[in-house]
C-alpha atoms as a PDB file:
ATOM      1  CA  UNK A   1      45.371 -21.298  33.164  1.00  0.00           C
ATOM      2  CA  UNK A   2      45.263 -17.756  34.578  1.00  0.00           C
ATOM      3  CA  UNK A   3      45.699 -16.315  31.104  1.00  0.00           C
ATOM      4  CA  UNK A   4      42.736 -18.358  29.829  1.00  0.00           C
ATOM      5  CA  UNK A   5      40.579 -17.163  32.739  1.00  0.00           C
ATOM      6  CA  UNK A   6      41.486 -13.524  32.021  1.00  0.00           C
ATOM      7  CA  UNK A   7      40.694 -13.916  28.314  1.00  0.00           C
ATOM      8  CA  UNK A   8      37.365 -15.539  29.186  1.00  0.00           C
ATOM      9  CA  UNK A   9      36.486 -12.677  31.568  1.00  0.00           C
ATOM     10  CA  UNK A  10      37.381 -10.063  28.940  1.00  0.00           C
ATOM     11  CA  UNK A  11      35.217 -11.806  26.343  1.00  0.00           C
ATOM     12  CA  UNK A  12      32.368 -12.109  28.824  1.00  0.00           C
ATOM     13  CA  UNK A  13      32.520  -8.398  29.667  1.00  0.00           C
ATOM     14  CA  UNK A  14      32.772  -7.478  26.002  1.00  0.00           C
ATOM     15  CA  UNK A  15      29.741  -9.627  25.249  1.00  0.00           C
ATOM     16  CA  UNK A  16      27.796  -7.882  28.017  1.00  0.00           C
ATOM     17  CA  UNK A  17      28.580  -4.448  26.606  1.00  0.00           C
ATOM     18  CA  UNK A  18      27.797  -5.595  23.065  1.00  0.00           C
ATOM     19  CA  UNK A  19      24.471  -6.955  24.271  1.00  0.00           C
ATOM     20  CA  UNK A  20      23.575  -3.598  25.846  1.00  0.00           C
ATOM     21  CA  UNK A  21      24.634  -1.697  22.737  1.00  0.00           C
ATOM     22  CA  UNK A  22      22.561  -3.910  20.449  1.00  0.00           C
ATOM     23  CA  UNK A  23      19.307  -3.859  22.371  1.00  0.00           C
ATOM     24  CA  UNK A  24      18.073  -1.320  19.821  1.00  0.00           C
ATOM     25  CA  UNK A  25      18.151  -2.710  16.302  1.00  0.00           C
ATOM     26  CA  UNK A  26      20.423  -0.960  13.840  1.00  0.00           C
ATOM     27  CA  UNK A  27      17.726  -1.214  11.158  1.00  0.00           C
ATOM     28  CA  UNK A  28      14.200  -1.552  12.494  1.00  0.00           C
ATOM     29  CA  UNK A  29      11.425  -3.216  10.515  1.00  0.00           C
ATOM     30  CA  UNK A  30       9.477   0.039  10.378  1.00  0.00           C
ATOM     31  CA  UNK A  31      10.805   3.588  10.251  1.00  0.00           C
ATOM     32  CA  UNK A  32      10.814   5.127  13.718  1.00  0.00           C
ATOM     33  CA  UNK A  33      12.383   8.518  12.967  1.00  0.00           C
ATOM     34  CA  UNK A  34      11.507  11.477  10.786  1.00  0.00           C
ATOM     35  CA  UNK A  35      13.680  11.890   7.676  1.00  0.00           C
ATOM     36  CA  UNK A  36      15.169  14.338   6.684  1.00  0.00           C
ATOM     37  CA  UNK A  37      15.520  16.205   9.972  1.00  0.00           C
ATOM     38  CA  UNK A  38      17.860  18.115  12.297  1.00  0.00           C
ATOM     39  CA  UNK A  39      19.188  20.392   9.578  1.00  0.00           C
ATOM     40  CA  UNK A  40      20.696  17.609   7.501  1.00  0.00           C
ATOM     41  CA  UNK A  41      21.759  18.423   3.939  1.00  0.00           C
ATOM     42  CA  UNK A  42      19.698  16.383   1.491  1.00  0.00           C
ATOM     43  CA  UNK A  43      21.383  14.497  -1.352  1.00  0.00           C
ATOM     44  CA  UNK A  44      18.621  14.823  -3.941  1.00  0.00           C
ATOM     45  CA  UNK A  45      16.305  17.598  -5.008  1.00  0.00           C
ATOM     46  CA  UNK A  46      13.454  16.974  -4.642  1.00  0.00           C
ATOM     47  CA  UNK A  47      13.898  15.073  -1.350  1.00  0.00           C
ATOM     48  CA  UNK A  48      11.471  12.394  -0.172  1.00  0.00           C
ATOM     49  CA  UNK A  49      10.010  13.029   3.290  1.00  0.00           C
ATOM     50  CA  UNK A  50       9.264  10.037   5.520  1.00  0.00           C
ATOM     51  CA  UNK A  51       7.982   9.465   9.031  1.00  0.00           C
ATOM     52  CA  UNK A  52       6.733   6.687  11.310  1.00  0.00           C
ATOM     53  CA  UNK A  53       3.484   5.214  10.061  1.00  0.00           C
ATOM     54  CA  UNK A  54       0.440   4.628  12.239  1.00  0.00           C
ATOM     55  CA  UNK A  55      -1.430   1.317  12.203  1.00  0.00           C
ATOM     56  CA  UNK A  56      -4.929   1.273  10.734  1.00  0.00           C
ATOM     57  CA  UNK A  57      -6.401   0.720   7.277  1.00  0.00           C
ATOM     58  CA  UNK A  58      -8.187   4.083   7.287  1.00  0.00           C
ATOM     59  CA  UNK A  59      -5.216   6.168   8.460  1.00  0.00           C
ATOM     60  CA  UNK A  60      -4.323   9.118   6.222  1.00  0.00           C
ATOM     61  CA  UNK A  61      -1.743  11.867   6.611  1.00  0.00           C
ATOM     62  CA  UNK A  62      -1.334  15.601   5.996  1.00  0.00           C
ATOM     63  CA  UNK A  63       1.957  17.341   5.240  1.00  0.00           C
ATOM     64  CA  UNK A  64       3.205  20.927   5.241  1.00  0.00           C
ATOM     65  CA  UNK A  65       6.511  21.978   3.665  1.00  0.00           C
ATOM     66  CA  UNK A  66       7.786  25.538   3.563  1.00  0.00           C
ATOM     67  CA  UNK A  67      10.794  27.848   3.834  1.00  0.00           C
ATOM     68  CA  UNK A  68       8.722  29.665   6.439  1.00  0.00           C
ATOM     69  CA  UNK A  69       8.906  28.057   9.883  1.00  0.00           C
ATOM     70  CA  UNK A  70       5.394  29.295  10.733  1.00  0.00           C
ATOM     71  CA  UNK A  71       3.977  27.795   7.499  1.00  0.00           C
ATOM     72  CA  UNK A  72       2.376  30.839   5.953  1.00  0.00           C
ATOM     73  CA  UNK A  73      -0.475  29.686   3.725  1.00  0.00           C
ATOM     74  CA  UNK A  74       0.803  31.659   0.723  1.00  0.00           C
ATOM     75  CA  UNK A  75       4.217  29.958   0.628  1.00  0.00           C
ATOM     76  CA  UNK A  76       3.526  26.511   2.048  1.00  0.00           C
ATOM     77  CA  UNK A  77       3.157  23.272   0.116  1.00  0.00           C
ATOM     78  CA  UNK A  78       0.167  21.677   1.823  1.00  0.00           C
ATOM     79  CA  UNK A  79      -1.106  18.207   0.968  1.00  0.00           C
ATOM     80  CA  UNK A  80      -3.874  16.249   2.696  1.00  0.00           C
ATOM     81  CA  UNK A  81      -5.136  12.683   2.634  1.00  0.00           C
ATOM     82  CA  UNK A  82      -1.854  10.890   1.919  1.00  0.00           C
ATOM     83  CA  UNK A  83      -2.305   7.119   2.084  1.00  0.00           C
ATOM     84  CA  UNK A  84       1.270   6.405   3.153  1.00  0.00           C
ATOM     85  CA  UNK A  85       3.776   7.922   5.575  1.00  0.00           C
ATOM     86  CA  UNK A  86       5.822   9.361   2.729  1.00  0.00           C
ATOM     87  CA  UNK A  87       5.710  12.537   0.641  1.00  0.00           C
ATOM     88  CA  UNK A  88       7.477  13.447  -2.595  1.00  0.00           C
ATOM     89  CA  UNK A  89       7.135  17.128  -3.620  1.00  0.00           C
ATOM     90  CA  UNK A  90       7.705  16.208  -7.297  1.00  0.00           C
ATOM     91  CA  UNK A  91       9.287  19.612  -7.805  1.00  0.00           C
ATOM     92  CA  UNK A  92      12.676  21.241  -7.362  1.00  0.00           C
ATOM     93  CA  UNK A  93      13.058  23.077  -4.067  1.00  0.00           C
ATOM     94  CA  UNK A  94      14.923  26.382  -3.821  1.00  0.00           C
ATOM     95  CA  UNK A  95      18.318  26.459  -2.110  1.00  0.00           C
ATOM     96  CA  UNK A  96      18.018  27.196   1.592  1.00  0.00           C
ATOM     97  CA  UNK A  97      16.471  25.816   4.767  1.00  0.00           C
ATOM     98  CA  UNK A  98      13.129  24.041   4.541  1.00  0.00           C
ATOM     99  CA  UNK A  99      10.735  23.293   7.390  1.00  0.00           C
ATOM    100  CA  UNK A 100       8.140  20.545   7.457  1.00  0.00           C
ATOM    101  CA  UNK A 101       5.698  18.738   9.677  1.00  0.00           C
ATOM    102  CA  UNK A 102       3.155  15.960   9.359  1.00  0.00           C
ATOM    103  CA  UNK A 103       0.108  14.612  11.121  1.00  0.00           C
ATOM    104  CA  UNK A 104      -2.493  11.906  10.990  1.00  0.00           C
ATOM    105  CA  UNK A 105      -5.433  13.625   9.322  1.00  0.00           C
ATOM    106  CA  UNK A 106      -7.608  15.304  11.948  1.00  0.00           C
ATOM    107  CA  UNK A 107      -4.990  15.103  14.708  1.00  0.00           C
ATOM    108  CA  UNK A 108      -2.225  17.350  16.056  1.00  0.00           C
ATOM    109  CA  UNK A 109       0.793  18.353  13.975  1.00  0.00           C
ATOM    110  CA  UNK A 110       4.143  16.744  14.689  1.00  0.00           C
ATOM    111  CA  UNK A 111       7.150  18.717  15.858  1.00  0.00           C
ATOM    112  CA  UNK A 112       8.649  20.909  13.123  1.00  0.00           C
ATOM    113  CA  UNK A 113      11.690  19.423  11.391  1.00  0.00           C
ATOM    114  CA  UNK A 114      14.070  21.117   8.993  1.00  0.00           C
ATOM    115  CA  UNK A 115      16.645  20.260   6.348  1.00  0.00           C
ATOM    116  CA  UNK A 116      18.898  22.138   3.944  1.00  0.00           C
ATOM    117  CA  UNK A 117      18.993  22.225   0.163  1.00  0.00           C
ATOM    118  CA  UNK A 118      22.431  23.312  -1.065  1.00  0.00           C
ATOM    119  CA  UNK A 119      23.710  24.321  -4.472  1.00  0.00           C
ATOM    120  CA  UNK A 120      25.636  21.013  -4.611  1.00  0.00           C
ATOM    121  CA  UNK A 121      22.488  18.879  -4.410  1.00  0.00           C
ATOM    122  CA  UNK A 122      21.760  16.408  -7.222  1.00  0.00           C
ATOM    123  CA  UNK A 123      18.648  17.184  -9.244  1.00  0.00           C
ATOM    124  CA  UNK A 124      16.179  14.298  -9.295  1.00  0.00           C
ATOM    125  CA  UNK A 125      12.616  15.454  -9.809  1.00  0.00           C
ATOM    126  CA  UNK A 126      10.292  12.526 -10.450  1.00  0.00           C
ATOM    127  CA  UNK A 127       6.906  12.868 -12.172  1.00  0.00           C
ATOM    128  CA  UNK A 128       3.647  12.564 -10.290  1.00  0.00           C
ATOM    129  CA  UNK A 129       1.620   9.383 -10.756  1.00  0.00           C
ATOM    130  CA  UNK A 130      -0.741  11.163 -13.155  1.00  0.00           C
ATOM    131  CA  UNK A 131       2.149  12.597 -15.186  1.00  0.00           C
ATOM    132  CA  UNK A 132       3.747   9.172 -15.415  1.00  0.00           C
ATOM    133  CA  UNK A 133       0.521   7.416 -16.447  1.00  0.00           C
ATOM    134  CA  UNK A 134      -0.158  10.085 -19.070  1.00  0.00           C
ATOM    135  CA  UNK A 135       3.095   9.144 -20.822  1.00  0.00           C
ATOM    136  CA  UNK A 136       2.396   5.401 -20.866  1.00  0.00           C
ATOM    137  CA  UNK A 137       1.517   4.400 -24.452  1.00  0.00           C
ATOM    138  CA  UNK A 138      -2.169   3.553 -24.871  1.00  0.00           C
ATOM    139  CA  UNK A 139      -1.504   0.903 -27.512  1.00  0.00           C
ATOM    140  CA  UNK A 140      -0.259  -2.627 -27.010  1.00  0.00           C
ATOM    141  CA  UNK A 141       2.296  -3.928 -26.465  1.00  0.00           C
ATOM    142  CA  UNK A 142       3.305  -1.136 -24.096  1.00  0.00           C
ATOM    143  CA  UNK A 143       6.962  -0.428 -24.715  1.00  0.00           C
ATOM    144  CA  UNK A 144       8.642   2.370 -22.779  1.00  0.00           C
ATOM    145  CA  UNK A 145      11.387   3.956 -24.881  1.00  0.00           C
ATOM    146  CA  UNK A 146      13.783   6.794 -24.131  1.00  0.00           C
ATOM    147  CA  UNK A 147      11.758   9.097 -26.388  1.00  0.00           C
ATOM    148  CA  UNK A 148       8.459   8.862 -28.326  1.00  0.00           C
ATOM    149  CA  UNK A 149      10.342   9.212 -31.623  1.00  0.00           C
ATOM    150  CA  UNK A 150      12.587   6.245 -30.996  1.00  0.00           C
ATOM    151  CA  UNK A 151      12.047   3.163 -33.170  1.00  0.00           C
ATOM    152  CA  UNK A 152      12.462  -0.059 -31.217  1.00  0.00           C
ATOM    153  CA  UNK A 153      13.692  -1.858 -34.338  1.00  0.00           C
ATOM    154  CA  UNK A 154      16.730   0.440 -34.300  1.00  0.00           C
ATOM    155  CA  UNK A 155      17.700  -1.190 -31.022  1.00  0.00           C
ATOM    156  CA  UNK A 156      17.703  -4.697 -32.511  1.00  0.00           C
ATOM    157  CA  UNK A 157      21.386  -4.400 -33.462  1.00  0.00           C
ATOM    158  CA  UNK A 158      22.585  -3.264 -30.055  1.00  0.00           C
ATOM    159  CA  UNK A 159      24.782  -5.546 -27.951  1.00  0.00           C
ATOM    160  CA  UNK A 160      22.008  -6.180 -25.424  1.00  0.00           C
ATOM    161  CA  UNK A 161      19.513  -6.997 -28.177  1.00  0.00           C
ATOM    162  CA  UNK A 162      21.889  -9.482 -29.808  1.00  0.00           C
ATOM    163  CA  UNK A 163      22.215 -11.331 -26.495  1.00  0.00           C
ATOM    164  CA  UNK A 164      18.423 -11.426 -26.141  1.00  0.00           C
ATOM    165  CA  UNK A 165      17.966 -12.815 -29.649  1.00  0.00           C
ATOM    166  CA  UNK A 166      20.652 -15.447 -29.086  1.00  0.00           C
ATOM    167  CA  UNK A 167      18.693 -16.633 -26.044  1.00  0.00           C
ATOM    168  CA  UNK A 168      15.460 -16.538 -28.062  1.00  0.00           C
ATOM    169  CA  UNK A 169      16.992 -18.594 -30.881  1.00  0.00           C
ATOM    170  CA  UNK A 170      18.072 -21.170 -28.302  1.00  0.00           C
ATOM    171  CA  UNK A 171      14.527 -21.281 -26.920  1.00  0.00           C
ATOM    172  CA  UNK A 172      13.165 -21.841 -30.443  1.00  0.00           C
ATOM    173  CA  UNK A 173      15.148 -25.066 -30.691  1.00  0.00           C
ATOM    174  CA  UNK A 174      14.049 -26.411 -27.301  1.00  0.00           C
ATOM    175  CA  UNK A 175      11.032 -28.601 -26.612  1.00  0.00           C
ATOM    176  CA  UNK A 176       7.879 -27.257 -25.017  1.00  0.00           C
ATOM    177  CA  UNK A 177       8.039 -27.741 -21.251  1.00  0.00           C
ATOM    178  CA  UNK A 178       5.284 -29.811 -19.679  1.00  0.00           C
ATOM    179  CA  UNK A 179       4.142 -30.251 -16.100  1.00  0.00           C
ATOM    180  CA  UNK A 180       5.833 -33.645 -16.000  1.00  0.00           C
ATOM    181  CA  UNK A 181       9.184 -31.909 -16.420  1.00  0.00           C
ATOM    182  CA  UNK A 182       8.819 -30.879 -12.765  1.00  0.00           C
ATOM    183  CA  UNK A 183       9.190 -34.502 -11.695  1.00  0.00           C
ATOM    184  CA  UNK A 184      12.750 -35.032 -10.435  1.00  0.00           C
ATOM    185  CA  UNK A 185      14.890 -37.584 -12.212  1.00  0.00           C
ATOM    186  CA  UNK A 186      16.020 -39.137  -8.921  1.00  0.00           C
ATOM    187  CA  UNK A 187      14.625 -39.463  -5.409  1.00  0.00           C
ATOM    188  CA  UNK A 188      16.267 -39.885  -2.040  1.00  0.00           C
ATOM    189  CA  UNK A 189      15.515 -42.362   0.705  1.00  0.00           C
ATOM    190  CA  UNK A 190      13.699 -40.097   3.184  1.00  0.00           C
ATOM    191  CA  UNK A 191      10.387 -38.304   2.758  1.00  0.00           C
ATOM    192  CA  UNK A 192      11.780 -34.907   3.779  1.00  0.00           C
ATOM    193  CA  UNK A 193      14.573 -35.230   1.253  1.00  0.00           C
ATOM    194  CA  UNK A 194      12.125 -36.261  -1.448  1.00  0.00           C
ATOM    195  CA  UNK A 195       9.941 -33.222  -0.702  1.00  0.00           C
ATOM    196  CA  UNK A 196      12.960 -30.936  -0.951  1.00  0.00           C
ATOM    197  CA  UNK A 197      14.076 -32.517  -4.226  1.00  0.00           C
ATOM    198  CA  UNK A 198      10.569 -32.165  -5.663  1.00  0.00           C
ATOM    199  CA  UNK A 199      10.293 -28.577  -4.422  1.00  0.00           C
ATOM    200  CA  UNK A 200      13.576 -27.617  -6.063  1.00  0.00           C
ATOM    201  CA  UNK A 201      12.519 -29.320  -9.297  1.00  0.00           C
ATOM    202  CA  UNK A 202       9.200 -27.425  -9.378  1.00  0.00           C
ATOM    203  CA  UNK A 203      10.923 -24.084  -8.829  1.00  0.00           C
ATOM    204  CA  UNK A 204      13.487 -25.037 -11.452  1.00  0.00           C
ATOM    205  CA  UNK A 205      10.672 -25.643 -13.943  1.00  0.00           C
ATOM    206  CA  UNK A 206       9.318 -22.145 -13.326  1.00  0.00           C
ATOM    207  CA  UNK A 207      12.736 -20.565 -13.734  1.00  0.00           C
ATOM    208  CA  UNK A 208      13.393 -22.496 -16.946  1.00  0.00           C
ATOM    209  CA  UNK A 209       9.997 -21.459 -18.290  1.00  0.00           C
ATOM    210  CA  UNK A 210      10.771 -17.805 -17.614  1.00  0.00           C
ATOM    211  CA  UNK A 211      14.257 -18.154 -19.108  1.00  0.00           C
ATOM    212  CA  UNK A 212      12.717 -19.330 -22.391  1.00  0.00           C
ATOM    213  CA  UNK A 213       9.571 -17.213 -22.729  1.00  0.00           C
ATOM    214  CA  UNK A 214      10.990 -13.829 -21.743  1.00  0.00           C
ATOM    215  CA  UNK A 215      13.630 -13.586 -24.504  1.00  0.00           C
ATOM    216  CA  UNK A 216      11.126 -14.951 -27.030  1.00  0.00           C
ATOM    217  CA  UNK A 217       8.746 -12.082 -26.237  1.00  0.00           C
ATOM    218  CA  UNK A 218      11.525  -9.497 -26.210  1.00  0.00           C
ATOM    219  CA  UNK A 219      12.989 -10.781 -29.481  1.00  0.00           C
ATOM    220  CA  UNK A 220       9.552 -10.581 -31.119  1.00  0.00           C
ATOM    221  CA  UNK A 221       9.124  -6.964 -30.020  1.00  0.00           C
ATOM    222  CA  UNK A 222      12.594  -6.128 -31.352  1.00  0.00           C
ATOM    223  CA  UNK A 223      12.240  -7.862 -34.719  1.00  0.00           C
ATOM    224  CA  UNK A 224       8.519  -8.586 -35.335  1.00  0.00           C
ATOM    225  CA  UNK A 225       9.616 -12.127 -36.269  1.00  0.00           C
ATOM    226  CA  UNK A 226       6.475 -14.270 -35.898  1.00  0.00           C
ATOM    227  CA  UNK A 227       8.514 -17.371 -35.063  1.00  0.00           C
ATOM    228  CA  UNK A 228       9.365 -15.905 -31.664  1.00  0.00           C
ATOM    229  CA  UNK A 229       5.758 -14.980 -30.941  1.00  0.00           C
ATOM    230  CA  UNK A 230       4.404 -18.340 -32.079  1.00  0.00           C
ATOM    231  CA  UNK A 231       6.761 -20.307 -29.802  1.00  0.00           C
ATOM    232  CA  UNK A 232       5.995 -18.099 -26.798  1.00  0.00           C
ATOM    233  CA  UNK A 233       2.233 -18.462 -27.349  1.00  0.00           C
ATOM    234  CA  UNK A 234       2.568 -22.222 -27.781  1.00  0.00           C
ATOM    235  CA  UNK A 235       4.379 -22.428 -24.451  1.00  0.00           C
ATOM    236  CA  UNK A 236       1.781 -20.225 -22.742  1.00  0.00           C
ATOM    237  CA  UNK A 237      -1.074 -22.419 -23.995  1.00  0.00           C
ATOM    238  CA  UNK A 238       0.724 -25.497 -22.669  1.00  0.00           C
ATOM    239  CA  UNK A 239       1.143 -23.879 -19.243  1.00  0.00           C
ATOM    240  CA  UNK A 240      -2.551 -22.923 -19.216  1.00  0.00           C
ATOM    241  CA  UNK A 241      -3.392 -26.646 -19.191  1.00  0.00           C
ATOM    242  CA  UNK A 242      -1.390 -27.391 -16.057  1.00  0.00           C
ATOM    243  CA  UNK A 243      -3.240 -28.488 -12.939  1.00  0.00           C
ATOM    244  CA  UNK A 244      -3.328 -25.645 -10.403  1.00  0.00           C
ATOM    245  CA  UNK A 245      -3.578 -28.274  -7.646  1.00  0.00           C
ATOM    246  CA  UNK A 246      -0.968 -30.532  -9.183  1.00  0.00           C
ATOM    247  CA  UNK A 247       2.787 -30.693  -8.882  1.00  0.00           C
ATOM    248  CA  UNK A 248       3.424 -27.399 -10.678  1.00  0.00           C
ATOM    249  CA  UNK A 249       1.075 -25.594  -8.305  1.00  0.00           C
ATOM    250  CA  UNK A 250       2.836 -26.821  -5.191  1.00  0.00           C
ATOM    251  CA  UNK A 251       5.154 -23.807  -5.087  1.00  0.00           C
ATOM    252  CA  UNK A 252       4.139 -20.149  -5.206  1.00  0.00           C
ATOM    253  CA  UNK A 253       7.332 -19.256  -7.048  1.00  0.00           C
ATOM    254  CA  UNK A 254       6.399 -21.495  -9.966  1.00  0.00           C
ATOM    255  CA  UNK A 255       2.802 -20.190  -9.939  1.00  0.00           C
ATOM    256  CA  UNK A 256       4.219 -16.670 -10.121  1.00  0.00           C
ATOM    257  CA  UNK A 257       6.442 -17.557 -13.061  1.00  0.00           C
ATOM    258  CA  UNK A 258       3.524 -19.171 -14.893  1.00  0.00           C
ATOM    259  CA  UNK A 259       1.352 -16.088 -14.352  1.00  0.00           C
ATOM    260  CA  UNK A 260       4.174 -13.800 -15.467  1.00  0.00           C
END
């Protein structure tokens, strides 16, 4: 009995200490700290700078980034009017110590933070939004390839492409799904169970629809075989007739799949 009491007391004390230690969440819903900071060595170049956001639809931010701790205008990267509490320089930073600060536009600057870029850092410079959009093909369908000179038909014999076309061939042989296919084959005795069964069946219809249409579209783009396109379009026209307030529209997941 004494041993049990001692074990219970130890567990109780341990639980108390654990409770104190876990009052602050390990991962908070929103970022509360500035990153990178305190001289940490960044993993990627260019690093992404983040800080705690401020509530408000009209809130914008300014950022200053420099190897000069006093932020001389000639050597400082200065950006204003950021819509989010995040900044990507979109350029490679020189090896050394970098200083940065942020503010809500029109207010006081934050405390200066610093981080280090070493020669061991991994290069990962992403394009700006405008640079990315400029490379998106203007024609349709929009297919992003590894290079502009690449012919998508050359990929049709790759292992991944063969799997896609096998799935597309299977979809060609299957019947067109209708809204009635969301009706479960069996029902339970209680209303709550019936609702759950129906809900699962509706979501299952959306997943099955996506499983059929997606490889059909991909196989058409790979091969230009009109059979794939015709079946996908036929399925899309069937879905367009479904009642938005009916059984298929009872779950957002299925609505999302239909829209996709």
